[in-house]
Amino acid sequence: MNQLYAIGEALIDFIPSERDSKLKEVTQFQPQVGGAPTNVASCVAKLGGKSSIITQVGEDAFGEKIEDTLINIGVDTQHLKKTSEATTALAFVSLTKEGEGDFAFYRKPSADMLLQTEHLTGLEFDSTDILHFCSVDLVDYPIKQTHIELIDKMLQAEGTVIFDPNLRFPLWDSTEALRETVLEFIPKAHILKISDEELEFISGIKDKDEAVASLFIGNVESVIYTEGKSGASIYTKEGLIAHEIGFDVTVKDTTGAGDAFIGAVIYQLLNHDRKHLIEEGNQYLRFANAVGGVTTTAYGAIESLPHLSDVEKIMNTKEE
């Protein structure tokens, strides 16, 4: 099948019309489809791979917008469920001059948080499939148990599990609860993607190399460490095996850049086993850096995701 299954939140990001304003000062917003797993599934589809989203939206206009957008991109939506018990999640964003986002979420609870495994029918994995998840929907609602059950199902099918914590502190009652939950799920993944802003918080260790080494627990085979403009690295239990610097681009909005990065990694991995990531690490990172870089040059997440031709153009420009 060679397909990505991304489980988690699908929401509407309200992107501000101006930058360098506090959220309370923004006067106009533009609604755009978002949510990290949704962005990742969309990235894979836009690059030409097969992807499916596992989530739930409300029976409302925003849920319809999400479904229509994903169908148009080419994401499989047969596991996108709808409910009248809650509304579609919303997130309002403010941006700094550098394009960094500050988020305010409205989901108490939102439809995605109520998704249960029993709502999903005909969902089967095989060894060529990949399951991707983040921490936003690991809060203490039915969706957390759904994650656990589907991760176990993918592991039984001998597929690949990828975890990108993608920390969102305002969604948690305490930072310690978030940290404990992330540490609970790390051993379930074969590949862990983590940013420089997340590493010390999750590991509790200041030294970068020691912190990365501490993450190799349970199933973890490789850690992808991202540093924004400074690029990204791949580590195995033996240490650093690949590093590539980022592309020089004019940044407008970093929303979804990390999702685009891991989506690009997954796109490359879909037709290979996990050893290929380790064997061709620099190739994976160059391509993923290019995808993430292009995504920052436009506003929003999904709308700014590139097609394969856009990525090839920026990679060829760098080589020249």
Protein backbone atom coordinates (compact mmCIF):
# COMPACT_ATOMS: atom_id res chain seq x y z
CA MET A 1 0.00 0.00 0.00
CA ASN A 2 2.89 2.40 0.80
CA GLN A 3 0.59 4.87 2.50
CA LEU A 4 0.87 7.44 5.25
CA TYR A 5 -1.81 7.48 7.93
CA ALA A 6 -1.70 10.70 9.96
CA ILE A 7 -3.78 10.69 13.15
CA GLY A 8 -4.69 13.75 15.19
CA GLU A 9 -6.20 17.19 14.98
CA ALA A 10 -7.72 18.82 11.91
CA LEU A 11 -8.57 22.45 12.58
CA ILE A 12 -8.92 25.93 11.15
CA ASP A 13 -5.98 28.30 11.65
CA PHE A 14 -6.98 31.95 11.63
CA ILE A 15 -3.88 33.60 10.14
CA PRO A 16 -3.44 37.34 10.89
CA SER A 17 -3.45 39.94 8.15
CA GLU A 18 -0.49 41.75 9.73
CA ARG A 19 2.72 40.74 11.47
CA ASP A 20 4.44 41.98 14.62
CA SER A 21 1.16 42.43 16.51
CA LYS A 22 -0.04 40.79 19.69
CA LEU A 23 -2.98 38.46 19.24
CA LYS A 24 -5.35 40.87 21.00
CA GLU A 25 -4.32 43.62 18.57
CA VAL A 26 -4.92 41.74 15.30
CA THR A 27 -7.89 43.19 13.41
CA GLN A 28 -8.28 40.72 10.54
CA PHE A 29 -7.74 36.99 10.12
CA GLN A 30 -7.88 34.61 7.18
CA PRO A 31 -9.18 31.07 7.89
CA GLN A 32 -6.93 28.27 6.62
CA VAL A 33 -7.02 24.52 7.14
CA GLY A 34 -4.38 23.31 9.57
CA GLY A 35 -3.43 20.97 12.38
CA ALA A 36 -0.05 19.24 12.32
CA PRO A 37 -1.18 15.74 11.23
CA THR A 38 -3.42 17.35 8.60
CA ASN A 39 -0.49 19.40 7.32
CA VAL A 40 1.72 16.31 7.14
CA ALA A 41 -0.87 14.29 5.22
CA SER A 42 -1.38 17.23 2.85
CA CYS A 43 2.36 17.62 2.29
CA VAL A 44 2.74 13.97 1.28
CA ALA A 45 -0.25 14.21 -1.06
CA LYS A 46 0.95 17.43 -2.72
CA LEU A 47 4.37 15.88 -3.33
CA GLY A 48 2.68 12.94 -5.05
CA GLY A 49 2.49 10.31 -2.29
CA LYS A 50 -0.50 8.46 -0.83
CA SER A 51 -1.82 9.75 2.48
CA SER A 52 -4.87 9.37 4.68
CA ILE A 53 -6.06 11.48 7.61
CA ILE A 54 -7.54 9.88 10.73
CA THR A 55 -9.49 12.54 12.60
CA GLN A 56 -12.91 13.93 13.42
CA VAL A 57 -14.51 17.29 12.68
CA GLY A 58 -17.77 18.89 13.69
CA GLU A 59 -20.88 18.92 11.56
CA ASP A 60 -20.29 22.58 10.75
CA ALA A 61 -18.98 24.86 8.03
CA PHE A 62 -15.39 24.59 9.25
CA GLY A 63 -15.53 20.80 9.13
CA GLU A 64 -16.83 21.02 5.56
CA LYS A 65 -14.00 23.38 4.65
CA ILE A 66 -11.43 20.92 6.01
CA GLU A 67 -12.92 17.98 4.16
CA ASP A 68 -13.24 19.88 0.86
CA THR A 69 -9.68 21.17 1.10
CA LEU A 70 -8.18 17.74 1.78
CA ILE A 71 -10.17 16.09 -1.02
CA ASN A 72 -8.95 18.75 -3.47
CA ILE A 73 -5.34 18.15 -2.42
CA GLY A 74 -5.70 14.39 -2.81
CA VAL A 75 -5.70 13.25 0.82
CA ASP A 76 -7.82 10.14 1.49
CA THR A 77 -10.65 11.28 3.79
CA GLN A 78 -12.51 7.99 4.33
CA HIS A 79 -11.30 8.02 7.96
CA LEU A 80 -12.28 11.66 8.53
CA LYS A 81 -15.34 11.34 10.73
CA LYS A 82 -18.01 13.90 11.67
CA THR A 83 -19.88 14.43 14.91
CA SER A 84 -22.62 16.67 16.28
CA GLU A 85 -21.27 16.29 19.82
CA ALA A 86 -18.59 18.99 19.42
CA THR A 87 -17.43 21.63 16.97
CA THR A 88 -14.37 21.71 14.75
CA ALA A 89 -11.25 22.99 16.52
CA LEU A 90 -10.09 26.56 15.89
CA ALA A 91 -6.71 28.24 16.41
CA PHE A 92 -6.01 31.96 16.22
CA VAL A 93 -2.44 32.96 15.35
CA SER A 94 -0.31 36.08 15.74
CA LEU A 95 3.04 36.42 13.96
CA THR A 96 6.32 38.12 14.89
CA LYS A 97 8.38 40.04 12.33
CA GLU A 98 10.31 36.82 11.72
CA GLY A 99 7.11 34.87 11.04
CA GLU A 100 7.08 32.92 14.30
CA GLY A 101 3.57 32.10 15.49
CA ASP A 102 1.76 32.41 18.82
CA PHE A 103 -1.40 30.29 19.07
CA ALA A 104 -4.69 30.52 20.98
CA PHE A 105 -6.77 27.34 20.69
CA TYR A 106 -10.54 26.86 20.98
CA ARG A 107 -11.25 23.18 21.67
CA LYS A 108 -13.04 22.43 24.98
CA PRO A 109 -13.42 19.76 23.72
CA SER A 110 -13.32 19.86 19.94
CA ALA A 111 -14.57 17.12 17.64
CA ASP A 112 -11.16 15.51 17.08
CA MET A 113 -10.71 14.90 20.81
CA LEU A 114 -13.78 12.64 20.90
CA LEU A 115 -12.66 10.25 18.13
CA GLN A 116 -12.81 6.59 19.20
CA THR A 117 -11.47 3.50 17.46
CA GLU A 118 -15.01 2.12 17.17
CA HIS A 119 -15.82 5.05 14.87
CA LEU A 120 -13.26 3.75 12.37
CA THR A 121 -14.16 0.92 10.00
CA GLY A 122 -12.17 -0.82 7.30
CA LEU A 123 -8.88 0.52 8.63
CA GLU A 124 -6.11 -1.99 7.96
CA PHE A 125 -2.34 -1.48 7.93
CA ASP A 126 0.51 -3.47 6.39
CA SER A 127 4.29 -3.42 6.66
CA THR A 128 4.70 -0.77 3.94
CA ASP A 129 2.53 1.77 5.77
CA ILE A 130 3.55 4.65 8.05
CA LEU A 131 1.62 6.05 11.03
CA HIS A 132 2.45 9.63 12.05
CA PHE A 133 1.23 11.38 15.21
CA CYS A 134 1.93 14.42 17.41
CA SER A 135 1.21 15.35 21.04
CA VAL A 136 -1.68 17.82 20.60
CA ASP A 137 -4.29 15.04 20.66
CA LEU A 138 -2.65 13.01 23.43
CA VAL A 139 -4.67 14.88 26.03
CA ASP A 140 -6.91 12.89 28.37
CA TYR A 141 -9.82 12.34 25.98
CA PRO A 142 -10.94 9.36 23.85
CA ILE A 143 -8.53 10.35 21.05
CA LYS A 144 -5.56 9.41 23.28
CA GLN A 145 -6.75 5.81 23.59
CA THR A 146 -7.41 5.78 19.84
CA HIS A 147 -3.76 6.71 19.31
CA ILE A 148 -2.62 3.87 21.55
CA GLU A 149 -4.77 1.30 19.79
CA LEU A 150 -3.78 2.38 16.27
CA ILE A 151 -0.08 2.58 17.15
CA ASP A 152 -0.28 -0.98 18.50
CA LYS A 153 -2.10 -2.05 15.33
CA MET A 154 0.61 -0.53 13.12
CA LEU A 155 3.34 -2.19 15.17
CA GLN A 156 1.58 -5.55 14.84
CA ALA A 157 1.47 -5.01 11.07
CA GLU A 158 5.24 -4.30 11.21
CA GLY A 159 4.76 -0.87 9.70
CA THR A 160 6.61 2.30 10.70
CA VAL A 161 5.57 4.66 13.51
CA ILE A 162 6.78 8.29 13.52
CA PHE A 163 6.29 10.71 16.43
CA ASP A 164 6.72 14.49 16.21
CA PRO A 165 5.87 15.93 19.65
CA ASN A 166 5.08 19.38 18.20
CA LEU A 167 4.58 20.83 21.69
CA ARG A 168 1.68 23.22 22.32
CA PHE A 169 1.89 24.20 26.00
CA PRO A 170 -1.41 26.18 26.23
CA LEU A 171 -3.37 22.98 25.58
CA TRP A 172 -2.18 21.27 28.77
CA ASP A 173 -3.14 21.74 32.41
CA SER A 174 0.55 21.53 33.35
CA THR A 175 3.88 21.35 31.54
CA GLU A 176 4.77 18.25 33.55
CA ALA A 177 1.67 16.44 32.29
CA LEU A 178 2.75 17.25 28.73
CA ARG A 179 6.30 16.06 29.35
CA GLU A 180 5.18 12.81 30.98
CA THR A 181 2.80 12.09 28.11
CA VAL A 182 5.45 12.69 25.48
CA LEU A 183 7.86 10.39 27.35
CA GLU A 184 5.09 7.78 27.51
CA PHE A 185 4.74 7.75 23.72
CA ILE A 186 8.37 8.12 22.59
CA PRO A 187 9.18 4.40 23.09
CA LYS A 188 6.31 3.46 20.76
CA ALA A 189 7.91 5.20 17.75
CA HIS A 190 10.62 3.99 15.38
CA ILE A 191 11.47 7.53 14.26
CA LEU A 192 11.33 10.59 16.51
CA LYS A 193 11.40 14.13 15.10
CA ILE A 194 12.28 16.78 17.67
CA SER A 195 13.23 20.47 17.47
CA ASP A 196 15.97 22.39 19.23
CA GLU A 197 13.25 24.23 21.20
CA GLU A 198 11.81 20.94 22.49
CA LEU A 199 14.87 18.82 23.25
CA GLU A 200 15.86 20.07 26.70
CA PHE A 201 12.26 20.28 27.94
CA ILE A 202 11.48 16.70 26.92
CA SER A 203 14.78 15.10 27.93
CA GLY A 204 15.54 17.20 31.01
CA ILE A 205 19.18 17.35 29.84
CA LYS A 206 21.03 20.52 28.73
CA ASP A 207 23.85 18.92 26.74
CA LYS A 208 22.52 18.31 23.21
CA ASP A 209 24.35 15.05 22.51
CA GLU A 210 23.45 13.57 25.88
CA ALA A 211 19.86 14.70 25.47
CA VAL A 212 19.52 13.08 22.04
CA ALA A 213 21.16 9.88 23.29
CA SER A 214 18.59 9.66 26.10
CA LEU A 215 15.76 9.44 23.56
CA PHE A 216 16.77 6.02 22.28
CA ILE A 217 14.32 4.02 24.33
CA GLY A 218 11.88 1.32 23.33
CA ASN A 219 11.41 1.14 19.55
CA VAL A 220 13.34 4.31 18.70
CA GLU A 221 15.84 3.66 15.89
CA SER A 222 16.56 7.20 14.70
CA VAL A 223 16.09 10.76 15.91
CA ILE A 224 15.67 13.65 13.47
CA TYR A 225 16.77 16.88 15.17
CA THR A 226 15.74 20.17 13.58
CA GLU A 227 17.22 23.64 14.17
CA GLY A 228 15.28 25.97 11.87
CA LYS A 229 17.61 27.88 9.53
CA SER A 230 20.58 25.96 10.93
CA GLY A 231 19.25 22.81 9.29
CA ALA A 232 18.65 19.32 10.58
CA SER A 233 20.49 16.21 11.70
CA ILE A 234 19.85 12.48 11.95
CA TYR A 235 21.09 10.45 14.91
CA THR A 236 21.15 6.73 15.59
CA LYS A 237 22.19 5.03 18.81
CA GLU A 238 25.77 5.27 17.55
CA GLY A 239 25.56 9.07 17.21
CA LEU A 240 25.31 11.68 14.45
CA ILE A 241 25.10 10.21 10.94
CA ALA A 242 23.90 13.12 8.79
CA HIS A 243 23.54 16.90 8.88
CA GLU A 244 22.35 19.42 6.29
CA ILE A 245 21.97 23.20 6.64
CA GLY A 246 18.71 24.88 5.66
CA PHE A 247 17.94 26.87 2.53
CA ASP A 248 18.23 30.67 2.42
CA VAL A 249 14.67 31.91 1.86
CA THR A 250 12.62 35.00 2.68
CA VAL A 251 10.45 33.89 5.59
CA LYS A 252 6.86 35.14 5.80
CA ASP A 253 5.25 32.55 8.07
CA THR A 254 6.78 29.53 9.80
CA THR A 255 3.38 27.94 10.47
CA GLY A 256 3.52 24.34 9.27
CA ALA A 257 7.20 24.38 8.30
CA GLY A 258 8.07 21.58 10.72
CA ASP A 259 5.09 19.57 9.48
CA ALA A 260 6.23 20.08 5.89
CA PHE A 261 9.72 18.92 6.87
CA ILE A 262 8.58 15.63 8.38
CA GLY A 263 6.03 15.22 5.59
CA ALA A 264 8.90 15.40 3.12
CA VAL A 265 10.83 12.78 5.09
CA ILE A 266 7.79 10.50 5.04
CA TYR A 267 7.24 11.06 1.30
CA GLN A 268 10.76 9.77 0.64
CA LEU A 269 10.43 6.91 3.11
CA LEU A 270 7.16 5.52 1.74
CA ASN A 271 8.81 3.40 -0.93
CA HIS A 272 11.67 2.16 1.26
CA ASP A 273 12.30 0.43 4.58
CA ARG A 274 13.49 2.41 7.58
CA LYS A 275 17.14 1.52 6.92
CA HIS A 276 17.02 3.74 3.85
CA LEU A 277 16.65 6.83 6.07
CA ILE A 278 19.90 5.92 7.77
CA GLU A 279 21.69 4.90 4.57
CA GLU A 280 20.67 8.03 2.63
CA GLY A 281 20.31 10.48 5.52
CA ASN A 282 21.78 13.52 3.81
CA GLN A 283 19.51 13.06 0.80
CA TYR A 284 16.46 12.91 3.07
CA LEU A 285 17.51 16.04 4.95
CA ARG A 286 18.31 18.11 1.85
CA PHE A 287 14.92 17.37 0.35
CA ALA A 288 13.06 17.95 3.64
CA ASN A 289 14.92 21.24 4.25
CA ALA A 290 13.87 22.39 0.79
CA VAL A 291 10.21 21.51 1.39
CA GLY A 292 10.21 23.19 4.79
CA GLY A 293 11.98 26.25 3.39
CA VAL A 294 9.50 26.76 0.55
CA THR A 295 6.61 26.45 3.01
CA THR A 296 7.86 29.46 5.01
CA THR A 297 7.77 31.77 1.98
CA ALA A 298 3.95 32.04 1.99
CA TYR A 299 1.27 32.47 4.65
CA GLY A 300 -0.57 29.57 6.22
CA ALA A 301 0.37 25.91 6.30
CA ILE A 302 -1.46 23.83 3.70
CA GLU A 303 -1.77 26.60 1.11
CA SER A 304 1.98 27.17 1.24
CA LEU A 305 2.94 23.49 0.86
CA PRO A 306 4.93 22.97 -2.36
CA HIS A 307 4.51 20.60 -5.26
CA LEU A 308 7.48 18.46 -6.26
CA SER A 309 8.41 20.85 -9.09
CA ASP A 310 8.71 23.75 -6.59
CA VAL A 311 11.07 21.70 -4.44
CA GLU A 312 13.23 20.65 -7.36
CA LYS A 313 13.55 24.30 -8.42
CA ILE A 314 14.90 25.48 -5.07
CA MET A 315 17.23 22.49 -4.79
CA ASN A 316 18.62 23.11 -8.29
CA THR A 317 19.11 26.80 -7.48
CA LYS A 318 21.17 25.91 -4.41
CA GLU A 319 23.33 23.51 -6.41
CA GLU A 320 24.06 26.22 -8.96
